[in-house]
Amino acid sequence: MKRLVLVRREQPLRGGQPLSFLIGLVVALLAGILLLAASGHNPIEIYERLFNSSVGSSNAWAKTLIVQFLLDWQGSPLQSLEAWGYGILALKVKFLLEQ
């Protein structure tokens, strides 16, 4: 049996990176659908709620961007704010997330 060997291409394929991203996205969504369906949940309803709570309104956009910025900054958003001495801002973020 022949052994598979990876070989570097002389010319990279055009459009390879966006295509790889799309394939990865589709595979991840399909895996999520399978796992949700196997656990007895409606995947369409779950994905719709996920979309609406993250980018469905301007308030959702604001929450998503704040949390993403803080998570990129250092792990847990509230712990990061408190560690940097922004206790009042941490309370505001906590208030935003609870709404």
Protein backbone atom coordinates (compact mmCIF):
# COMPACT_ATOMS: atom_id res chain seq x y z
CA MET A 1 0.00 0.00 0.00
CA LYS A 2 1.31 3.44 -0.95
CA ARG A 3 2.08 5.85 1.83
CA LEU A 4 0.57 9.34 1.51
CA VAL A 5 3.10 12.14 1.45
CA LEU A 6 2.38 15.87 1.66
CA VAL A 7 4.18 17.84 -1.02
CA ARG A 8 4.54 21.61 -1.17
CA ARG A 9 2.99 23.14 -4.27
CA GLU A 10 5.05 25.45 -6.42
CA GLN A 11 2.05 27.73 -6.92
CA PRO A 12 -0.52 27.98 -4.10
CA LEU A 13 -4.11 27.43 -5.18
CA ARG A 14 -5.99 30.66 -5.71
CA GLY A 15 -8.93 31.11 -3.38
CA GLY A 16 -7.80 28.30 -1.11
CA GLN A 17 -8.04 30.16 2.17
CA PRO A 18 -11.64 31.44 1.77
CA LEU A 19 -12.68 28.03 0.50
CA SER A 20 -11.09 26.34 3.51
CA PHE A 21 -12.88 28.78 5.81
CA LEU A 22 -16.25 28.06 4.19
CA ILE A 23 -15.73 24.31 4.32
CA GLY A 24 -14.78 24.56 8.01
CA LEU A 25 -17.83 26.72 8.73
CA VAL A 26 -20.19 24.30 6.97
CA VAL A 27 -18.66 21.29 8.73
CA ALA A 28 -18.97 23.04 12.12
CA LEU A 29 -22.60 23.99 11.48
CA LEU A 30 -23.45 20.46 10.35
CA ALA A 31 -21.74 18.95 13.40
CA GLY A 32 -23.69 21.36 15.61
CA ILE A 33 -26.94 20.39 13.90
CA LEU A 34 -26.21 16.70 14.41
CA LEU A 35 -25.32 17.17 18.08
CA LEU A 36 -28.36 19.33 18.79
CA ALA A 37 -30.70 16.92 16.99
CA ALA A 38 -29.16 13.95 18.83
CA SER A 39 -29.78 15.69 22.16
CA GLY A 40 -33.44 16.26 21.30
CA HIS A 41 -33.33 20.01 20.53
CA ASN A 42 -34.53 21.82 17.42
CA PRO A 43 -31.32 23.00 15.65
CA ILE A 44 -33.07 25.69 13.59
CA GLU A 45 -34.63 27.26 16.69
CA ILE A 46 -31.31 27.16 18.57
CA TYR A 47 -29.35 28.72 15.69
CA GLU A 48 -32.05 31.38 15.27
CA ARG A 49 -31.85 32.29 18.98
CA LEU A 50 -28.04 32.31 18.79
CA PHE A 51 -28.13 34.69 15.82
CA ASN A 52 -30.75 36.99 17.35
CA SER A 53 -28.98 37.22 20.70
CA SER A 54 -25.61 38.01 19.12
CA VAL A 55 -26.36 40.27 16.14
CA GLY A 56 -30.16 40.54 15.96
CA SER A 57 -30.37 44.15 17.18
CA SER A 58 -28.13 47.11 17.91
CA ASN A 59 -28.22 46.26 21.62
CA ALA A 60 -27.18 42.68 20.82
CA TRP A 61 -24.33 43.98 18.65
CA ALA A 62 -23.15 46.17 21.52
CA LYS A 63 -23.21 43.28 24.01
CA THR A 64 -21.40 40.99 21.59
CA LEU A 65 -18.67 43.53 20.82
CA ILE A 66 -18.15 44.44 24.48
CA VAL A 67 -17.88 40.84 25.60
CA GLN A 68 -15.64 39.89 22.67
CA PHE A 69 -13.32 42.81 23.31
CA LEU A 70 -13.06 41.95 26.99
CA LEU A 71 -12.56 38.24 26.30
CA ASP A 72 -9.77 39.08 23.88
CA TRP A 73 -8.32 41.35 26.50
CA GLN A 74 -7.94 38.68 29.23
CA GLY A 75 -10.17 35.64 29.79
CA SER A 76 -13.25 36.48 31.88
CA PRO A 77 -14.59 39.96 31.08
CA LEU A 78 -15.61 40.90 34.61
CA GLN A 79 -12.44 39.60 36.22
CA SER A 80 -10.39 41.53 33.67
CA LEU A 81 -12.16 44.79 34.42
CA GLU A 82 -11.88 44.33 38.16
CA ALA A 83 -8.20 43.36 37.90
CA TRP A 84 -7.47 46.51 35.91
CA GLY A 85 -9.27 48.65 38.47
CA TYR A 86 -12.46 49.28 36.49
CA GLY A 87 -14.95 48.00 39.07
CA ILE A 88 -17.72 50.40 38.05
CA LEU A 89 -17.33 49.45 34.40
CA ALA A 90 -17.46 45.77 35.43
CA LEU A 91 -20.80 46.42 37.10
CA LYS A 92 -22.11 48.17 33.96
CA VAL A 93 -21.02 45.23 31.80
CA LYS A 94 -22.62 42.79 34.23
CA PHE A 95 -25.84 44.85 34.04
CA LEU A 96 -25.72 44.80 30.22
CA LEU A 97 -25.19 41.04 30.12
CA GLU A 98 -28.10 40.35 32.45
CA GLN A 99 -30.60 42.20 30.24
